[in-house]
Each structure stands twice: as structure tokens, then as C-alpha cells.
Amino acid sequence: MSGRAQRIDGPSDGADGETSDTSSGEPRDLSGLAFAATAAIAFGTLAISAKLAYERGAHPIPLLATRFGITALILFAFRIAGRRSLRLPRRDLVVSLGLGFGYACESLLFFLALERAPASAVSLVFYSFPLWTNLMAAAFRLERIRAPNMIALSLGSIGVALIFSIEGIPTTALLLALGSAVAVAVYLLAAQVALRTVRPAVAAVWTAVGATITLSIAGLASGHGLPGEAIPAAGALGVATAIAFICFYEAIGRIGSSRTSVASMLEPVATVALAFIILNEAITGRVGIGAVLIVAALPVLALARGRSAGAPEGP
């Protein structure tokens, strides 16, 4: 999206509102790319940890509540240790907590899909969300559709259609994953409009708190608890999410948001590879071709949008 439409962090691209310096030489570039790649891989592990938790009897709602609770605690500790402010004006605090509800909903859709289908297929459909973000932005006149966008949208749409055509994967699961992708697109656009002047790294902390509160209430209402055997996997989800958030903003501070966004396209690749290695999920021809088409579309969309710092874009 255009810098004007995408920007939610005020006058700079830095992780905490400082201006990012992308001209300070190769070491800074390399460290920025390393942080971006680490964030992408950390997000890519989430589907794997969720699958392992399900094997140990976990239910999505308490699993996600534990995940976001751990993430919020780590992010609080990180900012306090770095003597970084967590304060927000009351209006922005309420909005950030409210966005946590949206983040909780899209994460729940993603994790419900993972209950029903292979991690690789669910993740590939989910990572079509830049397509829907671009289409919604065009519909709301936040940007114009240009030729590169059209090419990328076509590639990504064909890739998603290929995943839907795979036999043996429940359509319900793929629809849940698609719903999650659309939900995160709505979440990102809402954040852009509602938090234009808020430092994203601070908003992310309160969004995690909002998600924790939302899912904890839902967990109490549903009567589901988290089995002890699933606690390590839940802990891995929380730690991976916190690492991804921290590294995402560190990368933005070093190499800028557009290059960070392109590097984050490693996420679906990491998920497919880890699902093959850890979960023994097969990489069929359609999965492989669909992955290539979807992943090929993402950098085009990221560069065409000139994306600025915002919320991390993992499930």
C-alpha cells in the first residue's frame, strides 16, 4: 500500500518512533536482514507448535490465551528492561486493546483451521492476506490497483485455488484459513486508520494484552482448559511470537519497513519446510506449485505498496 495509507506510526519508520537509518553501511543492513529473517522463521514455527499442542489434547482457545499471555509478559519485560515507555493516551490504549480482539479472532480462525488440515496448506492459504489487503485498500480508495498489483493478485489467486483443489483436505478448514486471511487484512487496515500516530511497538504490547483478555474470557466461557502435556508447546508459541515481534521492529529500525516486509515472506516457506521435517507432511505437486505462486506474489505486493511499519503480520 502507499506510504500514506499504510503508515500507522507517525513520522518515522523506527521501531519506537525513531527515524530508521538505512544508510549506515553493510553491517547494519546484514543485522537488519538477520532480524527480519528471524522474525519470519519465528512466525513460521507457530503452526508447527500448534499441531504439536493438538497432539497433546490442547483446545485452540486456552492454547491461544496462554500464547498471548506469555507474549505480553515477555514484551512488557523487554520494554521495561530497555527503559522504553509503555504509555499511550487513553484513546489509543483503548483502541490498541480493542485491536487485540480482532487479532484474537483472526488467530482463532487460523488455529481452528490447523485442527482440521495440514499446517502447510493452512499456512499457504493464510499468507494470501496481502492479496485481500490490497483489494480492500483499493475498494476503500486507500490506493490504486496498478499493473504489478494485478499480476501479483493473479498469481496469488491461482496459488490459493490450487490449494483448494487438493483432494483430502476439508473445505471447511481451508475456508477457516481464508477467513483468517481476510480477518487479518481487515485488522491491518483498521490499525492503519485508528493508530496513525501510535508507535507500533508499543501498540503491539497492548494488542497482545487485549488478545489475552479476549481469549481468557472465551476460555472461561467455553469451559476448556489447557492440558499439562500441552504447556511446553503453548510456551513455545508465546516465546516464538514475542521473538517475532521484537525482531520485526528491530529489523525495521535497521533496514526500513519495506525491506523488512519483503524478508518476512520467508514465513510460509519456513512453515512448509518445518511441516515436512517435523510433522512429516508431504509436499505434493499442487502444494509446491501453489506455494511458488503465492510466495512469488508477496514481494511484488510488498514493494508495490511501499509498506511502512505496522503490526507484525503473523497468525
Protein backbone atom coordinates (compact mmCIF):
# COMPACT_ATOMS: atom_id res chain seq x y z
CA MET A 1 0.00 0.00 0.00
CA SER A 2 1.04 3.58 -0.34
CA GLY A 3 3.09 5.05 2.47
CA ARG A 4 0.23 7.40 3.33
CA ALA A 5 -2.36 4.64 3.53
CA GLN A 6 -0.21 2.13 5.34
CA ARG A 7 1.51 4.33 7.85
CA ILE A 8 0.32 3.98 11.45
CA ASP A 9 3.41 5.04 13.33
CA GLY A 10 3.58 8.76 12.80
CA PRO A 11 6.59 10.48 11.31
CA SER A 12 9.17 7.71 11.28
CA ASP A 13 9.72 4.07 10.44
CA GLY A 14 11.70 3.22 13.54
CA ALA A 15 10.58 0.57 15.94
CA ASP A 16 9.88 3.06 18.69
CA GLY A 17 9.32 6.19 16.72
CA GLU A 18 12.96 6.98 16.00
CA THR A 19 13.93 7.53 12.40
CA SER A 20 15.43 4.40 10.95
CA ASP A 21 18.88 4.76 9.46
CA THR A 22 19.18 2.60 6.40
CA SER A 23 22.36 4.22 5.12
CA SER A 24 24.84 3.33 7.84
CA GLY A 25 26.57 0.55 5.97
CA GLU A 26 26.65 -3.13 5.30
CA PRO A 27 26.87 -4.40 8.92
CA ARG A 28 23.63 -2.63 9.81
CA ASP A 29 21.97 -3.98 6.67
CA LEU A 30 23.09 -7.51 7.45
CA SER A 31 21.91 -7.31 11.05
CA GLY A 32 18.58 -5.90 9.89
CA LEU A 33 18.09 -8.72 7.42
CA ALA A 34 19.05 -11.23 10.11
CA PHE A 35 16.42 -9.79 12.46
CA ALA A 36 13.81 -9.83 9.69
CA ALA A 37 14.62 -13.44 8.79
CA THR A 38 14.49 -14.45 12.45
CA ALA A 39 11.06 -12.83 12.83
CA ALA A 40 9.81 -14.65 9.73
CA ILE A 41 11.10 -18.03 10.89
CA ALA A 42 9.66 -17.47 14.38
CA PHE A 43 6.24 -16.75 12.90
CA GLY A 44 6.71 -19.77 10.64
CA THR A 45 7.02 -22.07 13.67
CA LEU A 46 3.61 -21.17 15.08
CA ALA A 47 1.61 -23.65 13.01
CA ILE A 48 4.05 -26.42 13.93
CA SER A 49 3.82 -25.74 17.68
CA ALA A 50 0.03 -25.60 17.42
CA LYS A 51 -0.06 -29.01 15.74
CA LEU A 52 2.17 -30.46 18.46
CA ALA A 53 -0.11 -28.96 21.12
CA TYR A 54 -3.16 -30.53 19.47
CA GLU A 55 -1.46 -33.92 19.57
CA ARG A 56 -1.33 -33.46 23.36
CA GLY A 57 -5.02 -32.65 23.73
CA ALA A 58 -4.98 -28.84 23.60
CA HIS A 59 -8.05 -26.81 22.62
CA PRO A 60 -7.47 -23.71 20.44
CA ILE A 61 -8.95 -21.12 22.83
CA PRO A 62 -6.92 -21.84 26.02
CA LEU A 63 -3.89 -22.54 23.83
CA LEU A 64 -4.13 -19.08 22.27
CA ALA A 65 -4.88 -17.41 25.61
CA THR A 66 -1.69 -18.93 27.03
CA ARG A 67 0.26 -17.96 23.93
CA PHE A 68 -0.71 -14.30 24.06
CA GLY A 69 -0.35 -14.13 27.83
CA ILE A 70 3.26 -15.32 27.59
CA THR A 71 3.89 -12.98 24.67
CA ALA A 72 2.55 -9.98 26.58
CA LEU A 73 4.69 -10.76 29.65
CA ILE A 74 7.86 -11.07 27.53
CA LEU A 75 7.13 -7.86 25.64
CA PHE A 76 6.45 -5.99 28.90
CA ALA A 77 9.72 -7.29 30.37
CA PHE A 78 11.65 -6.39 27.20
CA ARG A 79 10.43 -2.82 27.17
CA ILE A 80 10.92 -2.33 30.91
CA ALA A 81 14.46 -3.77 30.72
CA GLY A 82 15.21 -1.34 27.88
CA ARG A 83 13.62 1.53 29.83
CA ARG A 84 11.19 2.11 26.99
CA SER A 85 7.84 3.72 27.66
CA LEU A 86 4.61 1.73 27.55
CA ARG A 87 2.36 4.74 27.98
CA LEU A 88 -0.35 5.60 25.49
CA PRO A 89 -3.06 8.26 25.54
CA ARG A 90 -6.30 6.78 26.86
CA ARG A 91 -7.98 6.75 23.46
CA ASP A 92 -5.04 4.95 21.81
CA LEU A 93 -4.80 2.48 24.70
CA VAL A 94 -8.47 1.56 24.33
CA VAL A 95 -8.10 1.19 20.57
CA SER A 96 -4.97 -0.98 20.94
CA LEU A 97 -6.75 -3.24 23.42
CA GLY A 98 -9.73 -3.39 21.07
CA LEU A 99 -7.49 -4.39 18.19
CA GLY A 100 -6.43 -7.28 20.40
CA PHE A 101 -9.98 -8.60 19.98
CA GLY A 102 -9.50 -8.55 16.21
CA TYR A 103 -6.10 -10.22 16.48
CA ALA A 104 -7.63 -12.89 18.73
CA CYS A 105 -10.39 -13.58 16.22
CA GLU A 106 -8.08 -13.99 13.23
CA SER A 107 -5.70 -16.16 15.24
CA LEU A 108 -8.59 -18.34 16.41
CA LEU A 109 -9.76 -18.88 12.82
CA PHE A 110 -6.20 -19.86 11.85
CA PHE A 111 -5.84 -22.27 14.77
CA LEU A 112 -9.28 -23.81 14.13
CA ALA A 113 -8.15 -24.47 10.56
CA LEU A 114 -5.00 -26.14 11.87
CA GLU A 115 -7.17 -28.57 13.84
CA ARG A 116 -8.64 -29.82 10.58
CA ALA A 117 -5.96 -29.64 7.89
CA PRO A 118 -2.18 -29.89 7.31
CA ALA A 119 -0.10 -26.96 8.53
CA SER A 120 1.42 -26.33 5.11
CA ALA A 121 -1.93 -25.97 3.31
CA VAL A 122 -3.46 -23.80 6.05
CA SER A 123 -0.44 -21.52 6.17
CA LEU A 124 -0.29 -21.04 2.41
CA VAL A 125 -3.95 -20.03 2.28
CA PHE A 126 -3.44 -17.71 5.28
CA TYR A 127 -0.44 -15.99 3.70
CA SER A 128 -2.65 -14.85 0.85
CA PHE A 129 -3.72 -11.99 3.17
CA PRO A 130 -1.68 -9.34 1.29
CA LEU A 131 -3.95 -10.02 -1.70
CA TRP A 132 -7.07 -9.23 0.31
CA THR A 133 -5.37 -6.25 1.98
CA ASN A 134 -4.60 -4.76 -1.44
CA LEU A 135 -8.10 -5.42 -2.76
CA MET A 136 -9.73 -3.88 0.33
CA ALA A 137 -7.40 -0.89 0.20
CA ALA A 138 -8.41 -0.34 -3.42
CA ALA A 139 -12.09 -0.75 -2.57
CA PHE A 140 -11.81 1.89 0.16
CA ARG A 141 -9.73 4.13 -2.15
CA LEU A 142 -6.64 3.94 0.01
CA GLU A 143 -4.62 3.03 -3.07
CA ARG A 144 -4.98 2.40 -6.78
CA ILE A 145 -4.55 -1.01 -8.36
CA ARG A 146 -1.51 -0.90 -10.64
CA ALA A 147 -0.12 -3.41 -13.13
CA PRO A 148 2.32 -5.08 -10.66
CA ASN A 149 -0.52 -5.48 -8.17
CA MET A 150 -2.74 -7.09 -10.80
CA ILE A 151 -0.01 -9.56 -11.76
CA ALA A 152 0.67 -10.43 -8.13
CA LEU A 153 -3.04 -10.76 -7.34
CA SER A 154 -3.48 -13.12 -10.27
CA LEU A 155 -0.53 -15.28 -9.24
CA GLY A 156 -1.65 -15.45 -5.63
CA SER A 157 -5.25 -16.22 -6.54
CA ILE A 158 -4.20 -19.12 -8.76
CA GLY A 159 -1.97 -20.41 -5.96
CA VAL A 160 -4.82 -20.30 -3.43
CA ALA A 161 -7.15 -22.01 -5.92
CA LEU A 162 -4.61 -24.82 -6.35
CA ILE A 163 -4.50 -25.39 -2.59
CA PHE A 164 -8.32 -25.52 -2.51
CA SER A 165 -8.27 -28.12 -5.30
CA ILE A 166 -6.19 -30.62 -3.30
CA GLU A 167 -8.22 -33.72 -2.56
CA GLY A 168 -8.49 -34.96 1.01
CA ILE A 169 -8.26 -31.54 2.70
CA PRO A 170 -11.58 -30.48 4.28
CA THR A 171 -13.02 -27.44 2.55
CA THR A 172 -14.15 -26.17 5.96
CA ALA A 173 -10.53 -25.97 7.12
CA LEU A 174 -9.43 -24.06 4.04
CA LEU A 175 -12.39 -21.67 4.40
CA LEU A 176 -11.36 -21.04 8.02
CA ALA A 177 -7.82 -20.29 6.85
CA LEU A 178 -9.18 -17.98 4.15
CA GLY A 179 -11.39 -16.31 6.75
CA SER A 180 -8.30 -15.77 8.88
CA ALA A 181 -6.51 -14.16 5.94
CA VAL A 182 -9.42 -11.81 5.29
CA ALA A 183 -9.69 -11.04 9.02
CA VAL A 184 -6.02 -10.07 9.28
CA ALA A 185 -6.45 -7.81 6.24
CA VAL A 186 -9.35 -6.05 8.00
CA TYR A 187 -7.25 -5.86 11.18
CA LEU A 188 -4.32 -4.25 9.35
CA LEU A 189 -6.49 -1.67 7.62
CA ALA A 190 -8.26 -0.87 10.90
CA ALA A 191 -4.91 -0.41 12.63
CA GLN A 192 -3.74 1.90 9.85
CA VAL A 193 -6.76 4.13 10.26
CA ALA A 194 -7.07 4.03 14.05
CA LEU A 195 -3.42 4.20 15.13
CA ARG A 196 -1.76 6.59 12.71
CA THR A 197 0.21 8.41 15.43
CA VAL A 198 0.98 5.49 17.76
CA ARG A 199 4.36 3.79 17.94
CA PRO A 200 3.63 0.27 16.62
CA ALA A 201 5.98 -1.49 19.05
CA VAL A 202 4.02 -0.02 21.96
CA ALA A 203 0.65 -0.75 20.36
CA ALA A 204 1.77 -4.36 19.82
CA VAL A 205 2.22 -4.87 23.58
CA TRP A 206 -1.29 -3.66 24.38
CA THR A 207 -2.75 -5.57 21.43
CA ALA A 208 -1.25 -8.76 22.90
CA VAL A 209 -2.83 -7.85 26.24
CA GLY A 210 -6.19 -7.31 24.54
CA ALA A 211 -5.94 -10.67 22.80
CA THR A 212 -5.07 -12.36 26.11
CA ILE A 213 -8.10 -10.83 27.83
CA THR A 214 -10.42 -11.76 24.95
CA LEU A 215 -9.28 -15.36 24.75
CA SER A 216 -9.16 -15.83 28.53
CA ILE A 217 -12.81 -14.77 28.81
CA ALA A 218 -13.70 -17.06 25.88
CA GLY A 219 -11.80 -19.92 27.54
CA LEU A 220 -13.65 -19.48 30.82
CA ALA A 221 -16.98 -19.35 28.98
CA SER A 222 -16.19 -22.50 26.97
CA GLY A 223 -15.02 -24.45 29.99
CA HIS A 224 -11.91 -25.70 28.22
CA GLY A 225 -8.55 -25.84 29.99
CA LEU A 226 -5.01 -26.45 28.81
CA PRO A 227 -3.67 -29.97 29.49
CA GLY A 228 -0.34 -30.07 31.28
CA GLU A 229 1.19 -32.05 28.42
CA ALA A 230 0.46 -29.14 26.05
CA ILE A 231 2.09 -26.45 28.21
CA PRO A 232 5.55 -26.75 26.55
CA ALA A 233 4.02 -26.28 23.09
CA ALA A 234 1.97 -23.34 24.37
CA GLY A 235 5.13 -21.85 25.85
CA ALA A 236 6.88 -22.27 22.51
CA LEU A 237 4.03 -20.39 20.82
CA GLY A 238 4.30 -17.50 23.28
CA VAL A 239 8.08 -17.25 23.12
CA ALA A 240 8.13 -17.50 19.30
CA THR A 241 5.51 -14.76 19.00
CA ALA A 242 7.46 -12.45 21.32
CA ILE A 243 10.71 -13.12 19.44
CA ALA A 244 8.95 -12.41 16.14
CA PHE A 245 7.53 -9.11 17.43
CA ILE A 246 10.85 -7.94 18.87
CA CYS A 247 12.91 -8.94 15.83
CA PHE A 248 10.34 -7.44 13.45
CA TYR A 249 10.70 -3.99 14.99
CA GLU A 250 14.47 -4.30 15.37
CA ALA A 251 14.64 -5.05 11.63
CA ILE A 252 12.51 -2.01 10.79
CA GLY A 253 14.87 0.19 12.79
CA ARG A 254 17.85 -1.06 10.76
CA ILE A 255 16.65 -1.60 7.17
CA GLY A 256 13.26 0.09 7.00
CA SER A 257 9.79 -1.38 6.77
CA SER A 258 9.60 -2.18 3.05
CA ARG A 259 12.70 -4.39 3.06
CA THR A 260 11.56 -5.97 6.33
CA SER A 261 8.22 -6.80 4.74
CA VAL A 262 9.89 -8.49 1.77
CA ALA A 263 12.12 -10.54 4.09
CA SER A 264 9.05 -11.61 6.05
CA MET A 265 7.91 -13.56 3.01
CA LEU A 266 10.09 -16.34 4.41
CA GLU A 267 7.23 -17.15 6.80
CA PRO A 268 5.19 -19.50 4.58
CA VAL A 269 8.37 -21.11 3.26
CA ALA A 270 9.52 -21.79 6.82
CA THR A 271 6.16 -23.30 7.74
CA VAL A 272 6.07 -25.64 4.73
CA ALA A 273 9.67 -26.75 5.33
CA LEU A 274 9.16 -27.31 9.08
CA ALA A 275 5.90 -29.17 8.47
CA PHE A 276 7.79 -31.51 6.15
CA ILE A 277 10.67 -32.02 8.60
CA ILE A 278 8.83 -32.17 11.93
CA LEU A 279 5.28 -33.24 11.08
CA ASN A 280 6.15 -35.46 8.10
CA GLU A 281 3.67 -33.60 5.90
CA ALA A 282 4.10 -34.42 2.24
CA ILE A 283 4.92 -31.64 -0.23
CA THR A 284 2.77 -32.65 -3.19
CA GLY A 285 2.96 -31.15 -6.65
CA ARG A 286 -0.05 -28.91 -6.07
CA VAL A 287 1.26 -27.74 -2.70
CA GLY A 288 4.64 -26.98 -4.26
CA ILE A 289 3.21 -25.09 -7.24
CA GLY A 290 0.70 -23.25 -5.04
CA ALA A 291 3.49 -22.26 -2.66
CA VAL A 292 5.63 -20.93 -5.51
CA LEU A 293 2.76 -18.85 -6.92
CA ILE A 294 1.71 -17.41 -3.56
CA VAL A 295 5.26 -16.65 -2.40
CA ALA A 296 6.12 -15.14 -5.81
CA ALA A 297 3.22 -12.72 -5.47
CA LEU A 298 4.07 -11.47 -1.98
CA PRO A 299 7.28 -9.48 -2.64
CA VAL A 300 5.61 -7.76 -5.60
CA LEU A 301 2.75 -6.68 -3.37
CA ALA A 302 5.09 -5.58 -0.59
CA LEU A 303 7.22 -3.45 -2.91
CA ALA A 304 4.25 -2.05 -4.79
CA ARG A 305 2.64 -0.99 -1.53
CA GLY A 306 5.76 0.72 -0.18
CA ARG A 307 4.74 -0.70 3.17
CA SER A 308 5.57 1.24 6.33
CA ALA A 309 5.95 -0.01 9.85
CA GLY A 310 2.83 -1.56 11.28
CA ALA A 311 1.62 -4.60 13.14
CA PRO A 312 3.57 -7.82 12.62
CA GLU A 313 1.70 -9.92 10.12
CA GLY A 314 1.82 -13.43 11.53
CA PRO A 315 -1.18 -15.51 12.64
